[in-house]
Amino acid sequence: MCRNIRTLHNFEPAATDDEVDAAALQYVRKISGSTKPSRANQEAFDRAVHEIAHVTRHLLDELVTTAPPKDRAVEAEKAKARSAARFGAAGSTVSA
């Protein structure tokens, strides 16, 4: 899966339309292999983003869970810690 697509389900507050649109755009970019479609493909690209965002919003609205909603700030800190563990602390320098 594309790393830029984030989990949107079960957050408080719920995912915004901008977040859903961004995920749809990343998905279409990934499967089309294009970040900027040609003029000939722009309409199909835009339509796909719109339709995927629409279906994603319906999916998020219909999903149910018994788990408590996640906190965005806590999840961001967890992601930051995973990244630091994987790639090293930000700002560290390598000395010879």
N, C-alpha and C. Protein backbone atom coordinates (compact mmCIF):
# COMPACT_ATOMS: atom_id res chain seq x y z
N MET A 1 0.85 -1.18 0.00
CA MET A 1 0.00 0.00 0.00
C MET A 1 0.88 1.24 0.00
N CYS A 2 0.37 2.27 -0.58
CA CYS A 2 1.08 3.53 -0.63
C CYS A 2 1.28 4.07 0.79
N ARG A 3 2.48 4.45 1.13
CA ARG A 3 2.75 4.93 2.49
C ARG A 3 2.04 6.22 2.82
N ASN A 4 1.68 6.99 1.83
CA ASN A 4 1.04 8.28 2.09
C ASN A 4 -0.44 8.17 2.39
N ILE A 5 -1.02 7.00 2.19
CA ILE A 5 -2.42 6.81 2.51
C ILE A 5 -2.50 6.39 3.97
N ARG A 6 -3.17 7.17 4.77
CA ARG A 6 -3.27 6.93 6.20
C ARG A 6 -4.60 6.30 6.56
N THR A 7 -4.60 5.57 7.66
CA THR A 7 -5.85 5.02 8.18
C THR A 7 -6.77 6.17 8.56
N LEU A 8 -8.01 6.09 8.15
CA LEU A 8 -8.96 7.15 8.42
C LEU A 8 -10.10 6.71 9.33
N HIS A 9 -10.22 5.43 9.56
CA HIS A 9 -11.34 4.90 10.35
C HIS A 9 -11.05 4.97 11.85
N ASN A 10 -12.09 5.26 12.60
CA ASN A 10 -12.10 5.22 14.06
C ASN A 10 -11.20 6.27 14.71
N PHE A 11 -11.29 7.48 14.22
CA PHE A 11 -10.60 8.60 14.85
C PHE A 11 -11.64 9.58 15.37
N GLU A 12 -11.27 10.27 16.41
CA GLU A 12 -12.12 11.32 16.96
C GLU A 12 -11.32 12.61 16.93
N PRO A 13 -11.72 13.62 16.20
CA PRO A 13 -12.92 13.68 15.37
C PRO A 13 -12.75 12.83 14.11
N ALA A 14 -13.86 12.55 13.45
CA ALA A 14 -13.86 11.72 12.25
C ALA A 14 -13.03 12.36 11.14
N ALA A 15 -12.63 11.53 10.18
CA ALA A 15 -11.84 12.03 9.05
C ALA A 15 -12.60 13.13 8.32
N THR A 16 -11.86 14.14 7.93
CA THR A 16 -12.46 15.25 7.19
C THR A 16 -12.57 14.91 5.72
N ASP A 17 -13.37 15.67 5.00
CA ASP A 17 -13.47 15.47 3.55
C ASP A 17 -12.12 15.70 2.88
N ASP A 18 -11.33 16.63 3.39
CA ASP A 18 -10.00 16.88 2.83
C ASP A 18 -9.10 15.65 2.99
N GLU A 19 -9.18 14.99 4.14
CA GLU A 19 -8.37 13.79 4.36
C GLU A 19 -8.81 12.65 3.42
N VAL A 20 -10.11 12.51 3.24
CA VAL A 20 -10.64 11.49 2.34
C VAL A 20 -10.21 11.80 0.91
N ASP A 21 -10.31 13.05 0.49
CA ASP A 21 -9.89 13.45 -0.85
C ASP A 21 -8.40 13.20 -1.07
N ALA A 22 -7.59 13.52 -0.07
CA ALA A 22 -6.14 13.31 -0.18
C ALA A 22 -5.81 11.82 -0.33
N ALA A 23 -6.51 10.97 0.42
CA ALA A 23 -6.28 9.52 0.32
C ALA A 23 -6.70 9.03 -1.06
N ALA A 24 -7.82 9.52 -1.57
CA ALA A 24 -8.28 9.12 -2.91
C ALA A 24 -7.28 9.55 -3.97
N LEU A 25 -6.77 10.77 -3.85
CA LEU A 25 -5.78 11.26 -4.80
C LEU A 25 -4.52 10.41 -4.77
N GLN A 26 -4.03 10.07 -3.59
CA GLN A 26 -2.84 9.23 -3.48
C GLN A 26 -3.07 7.86 -4.09
N TYR A 27 -4.26 7.31 -3.87
CA TYR A 27 -4.60 6.00 -4.43
C TYR A 27 -4.58 6.05 -5.96
N VAL A 28 -5.24 7.05 -6.54
CA VAL A 28 -5.29 7.16 -8.00
C VAL A 28 -3.90 7.41 -8.57
N ARG A 29 -3.11 8.23 -7.91
CA ARG A 29 -1.72 8.45 -8.35
C ARG A 29 -0.94 7.15 -8.36
N LYS A 30 -1.12 6.36 -7.30
CA LYS A 30 -0.37 5.11 -7.18
C LYS A 30 -0.76 4.13 -8.28
N ILE A 31 -2.07 3.90 -8.46
CA ILE A 31 -2.46 2.88 -9.43
C ILE A 31 -2.30 3.34 -10.88
N SER A 32 -2.34 4.68 -11.12
CA SER A 32 -2.16 5.17 -12.48
C SER A 32 -0.69 5.35 -12.83
N GLY A 33 0.15 5.42 -11.79
CA GLY A 33 1.58 5.63 -12.04
C GLY A 33 1.89 7.06 -12.45
N SER A 34 0.98 7.98 -12.13
CA SER A 34 1.15 9.35 -12.57
C SER A 34 0.75 10.31 -11.45
N THR A 35 1.62 11.26 -11.16
CA THR A 35 1.26 12.28 -10.19
C THR A 35 0.57 13.46 -10.87
N LYS A 36 0.83 13.64 -12.14
CA LYS A 36 0.21 14.70 -12.93
C LYS A 36 -0.18 14.11 -14.27
N PRO A 37 -1.46 13.80 -14.46
CA PRO A 37 -1.87 13.19 -15.72
C PRO A 37 -1.79 14.17 -16.89
N SER A 38 -1.70 13.61 -18.09
CA SER A 38 -1.70 14.45 -19.29
C SER A 38 -3.08 15.08 -19.45
N ARG A 39 -3.17 16.09 -20.29
CA ARG A 39 -4.46 16.72 -20.54
C ARG A 39 -5.48 15.71 -21.05
N ALA A 40 -5.01 14.75 -21.84
CA ALA A 40 -5.91 13.73 -22.39
C ALA A 40 -6.50 12.84 -21.30
N ASN A 41 -5.78 12.68 -20.19
CA ASN A 41 -6.22 11.81 -19.10
C ASN A 41 -6.75 12.55 -17.89
N GLN A 42 -6.70 13.87 -17.89
CA GLN A 42 -7.06 14.65 -16.71
C GLN A 42 -8.50 14.41 -16.27
N GLU A 43 -9.44 14.37 -17.20
CA GLU A 43 -10.84 14.18 -16.83
C GLU A 43 -11.07 12.81 -16.18
N ALA A 44 -10.49 11.77 -16.75
CA ALA A 44 -10.64 10.42 -16.18
C ALA A 44 -9.97 10.35 -14.80
N PHE A 45 -8.83 10.99 -14.66
CA PHE A 45 -8.10 11.02 -13.39
C PHE A 45 -8.93 11.72 -12.32
N ASP A 46 -9.45 12.90 -12.64
CA ASP A 46 -10.25 13.66 -11.69
C ASP A 46 -11.53 12.93 -11.31
N ARG A 47 -12.16 12.30 -12.30
CA ARG A 47 -13.39 11.55 -12.04
C ARG A 47 -13.09 10.38 -11.10
N ALA A 48 -11.98 9.69 -11.33
CA ALA A 48 -11.61 8.56 -10.46
C ALA A 48 -11.37 9.04 -9.03
N VAL A 49 -10.68 10.15 -8.86
CA VAL A 49 -10.44 10.69 -7.50
C VAL A 49 -11.77 11.00 -6.83
N HIS A 50 -12.67 11.65 -7.54
CA HIS A 50 -13.97 12.02 -6.98
C HIS A 50 -14.77 10.78 -6.59
N GLU A 51 -14.82 9.79 -7.47
CA GLU A 51 -15.61 8.58 -7.19
C GLU A 51 -15.01 7.77 -6.04
N ILE A 52 -13.70 7.67 -5.98
CA ILE A 52 -13.06 6.92 -4.89
C ILE A 52 -13.27 7.64 -3.57
N ALA A 53 -13.18 8.96 -3.56
CA ALA A 53 -13.45 9.72 -2.34
C ALA A 53 -14.89 9.51 -1.88
N HIS A 54 -15.81 9.50 -2.82
CA HIS A 54 -17.23 9.30 -2.51
C HIS A 54 -17.45 7.92 -1.88
N VAL A 55 -16.91 6.90 -2.49
CA VAL A 55 -17.07 5.53 -1.97
C VAL A 55 -16.36 5.38 -0.63
N THR A 56 -15.21 6.02 -0.49
CA THR A 56 -14.47 5.96 0.78
C THR A 56 -15.27 6.59 1.91
N ARG A 57 -15.91 7.72 1.64
CA ARG A 57 -16.73 8.36 2.66
C ARG A 57 -17.88 7.44 3.08
N HIS A 58 -18.52 6.78 2.10
CA HIS A 58 -19.59 5.83 2.44
C HIS A 58 -19.05 4.68 3.29
N LEU A 59 -17.90 4.16 2.92
CA LEU A 59 -17.29 3.07 3.70
C LEU A 59 -17.04 3.52 5.13
N LEU A 60 -16.41 4.66 5.30
CA LEU A 60 -16.10 5.14 6.65
C LEU A 60 -17.37 5.37 7.47
N ASP A 61 -18.42 5.86 6.82
CA ASP A 61 -19.68 6.10 7.51
C ASP A 61 -20.36 4.81 7.95
N GLU A 62 -20.12 3.71 7.23
CA GLU A 62 -20.81 2.46 7.52
C GLU A 62 -20.01 1.50 8.40
N LEU A 63 -18.71 1.69 8.52
CA LEU A 63 -17.91 0.80 9.36
C LEU A 63 -18.30 0.95 10.83
N VAL A 64 -18.32 -0.18 11.54
CA VAL A 64 -18.61 -0.16 12.97
C VAL A 64 -17.47 -0.83 13.72
N THR A 65 -17.28 -0.43 14.94
CA THR A 65 -16.24 -1.01 15.78
C THR A 65 -16.63 -0.85 17.24
N THR A 66 -16.11 -1.74 18.06
CA THR A 66 -16.31 -1.61 19.50
C THR A 66 -15.09 -0.99 20.16
N ALA A 67 -14.03 -0.78 19.38
CA ALA A 67 -12.81 -0.19 19.91
C ALA A 67 -13.03 1.31 20.16
N PRO A 68 -12.40 1.84 21.19
CA PRO A 68 -12.54 3.28 21.43
C PRO A 68 -11.85 4.06 20.30
N PRO A 69 -12.35 5.25 19.98
CA PRO A 69 -11.73 6.06 18.93
C PRO A 69 -10.28 6.37 19.26
N LYS A 70 -9.45 6.42 18.21
CA LYS A 70 -8.05 6.75 18.39
C LYS A 70 -7.87 8.26 18.42
N ASP A 71 -6.83 8.69 19.10
CA ASP A 71 -6.49 10.10 19.20
C ASP A 71 -5.41 10.41 18.16
N ARG A 72 -5.64 11.41 17.32
CA ARG A 72 -4.70 11.73 16.25
C ARG A 72 -3.31 12.11 16.78
N ALA A 73 -3.27 12.86 17.85
CA ALA A 73 -1.97 13.27 18.40
C ALA A 73 -1.18 12.07 18.91
N VAL A 74 -1.86 11.15 19.59
CA VAL A 74 -1.20 9.95 20.10
C VAL A 74 -0.69 9.09 18.95
N GLU A 75 -1.52 8.91 17.93
CA GLU A 75 -1.13 8.11 16.76
C GLU A 75 0.04 8.76 16.02
N ALA A 76 0.06 10.08 15.95
CA ALA A 76 1.17 10.79 15.30
C ALA A 76 2.47 10.57 16.06
N GLU A 77 2.40 10.60 17.39
CA GLU A 77 3.59 10.35 18.20
C GLU A 77 4.10 8.92 18.02
N LYS A 78 3.18 7.96 17.95
CA LYS A 78 3.57 6.57 17.71
C LYS A 78 4.28 6.43 16.36
N ALA A 79 3.74 7.08 15.34
CA ALA A 79 4.35 7.03 14.00
C ALA A 79 5.73 7.67 14.01
N LYS A 80 5.86 8.76 14.74
CA LYS A 80 7.15 9.45 14.86
C LYS A 80 8.18 8.55 15.54
N ALA A 81 7.76 7.85 16.59
CA ALA A 81 8.65 6.94 17.30
C ALA A 81 9.07 5.77 16.40
N ARG A 82 8.11 5.23 15.63
CA ARG A 82 8.44 4.13 14.70
C ARG A 82 9.44 4.60 13.65
N SER A 83 9.23 5.81 13.15
CA SER A 83 10.13 6.36 12.14
C SER A 83 11.54 6.57 12.71
N ALA A 84 11.60 7.09 13.93
CA ALA A 84 12.91 7.31 14.58
C ALA A 84 13.62 5.99 14.79
N ALA A 85 12.88 4.96 15.20
CA ALA A 85 13.49 3.65 15.41
C ALA A 85 13.96 3.05 14.09
N ARG A 86 13.21 3.30 13.04
CA ARG A 86 13.54 2.72 11.74
C ARG A 86 14.68 3.47 11.05
N PHE A 87 14.64 4.79 11.08
CA PHE A 87 15.59 5.59 10.33
C PHE A 87 16.59 6.34 11.19
N GLY A 88 16.51 6.23 12.49
CA GLY A 88 17.40 6.96 13.37
C GLY A 88 16.78 8.29 13.77
N ALA A 89 17.27 8.84 14.85
CA ALA A 89 16.73 10.10 15.35
C ALA A 89 16.97 11.21 14.35
N ALA A 90 16.00 12.08 14.18
CA ALA A 90 16.13 13.22 13.27
C ALA A 90 17.20 14.15 13.79
N GLY A 91 17.98 14.66 12.88
CA GLY A 91 18.98 15.63 13.24
C GLY A 91 20.30 15.01 13.70
N SER A 92 20.37 13.68 13.77
CA SER A 92 21.64 13.08 14.17
C SER A 92 22.61 13.15 13.02
N THR A 93 23.88 13.26 13.34
CA THR A 93 24.91 13.35 12.31
C THR A 93 25.79 12.13 12.41
N VAL A 94 26.36 11.80 11.27
CA VAL A 94 27.29 10.67 11.21
C VAL A 94 28.68 11.23 11.21
N SER A 95 29.50 10.79 12.17
CA SER A 95 30.88 11.27 12.21
C SER A 95 31.82 10.15 11.82
N ALA A 96 32.95 10.53 11.29
CA ALA A 96 33.92 9.56 10.79
C ALA A 96 34.76 8.97 11.87
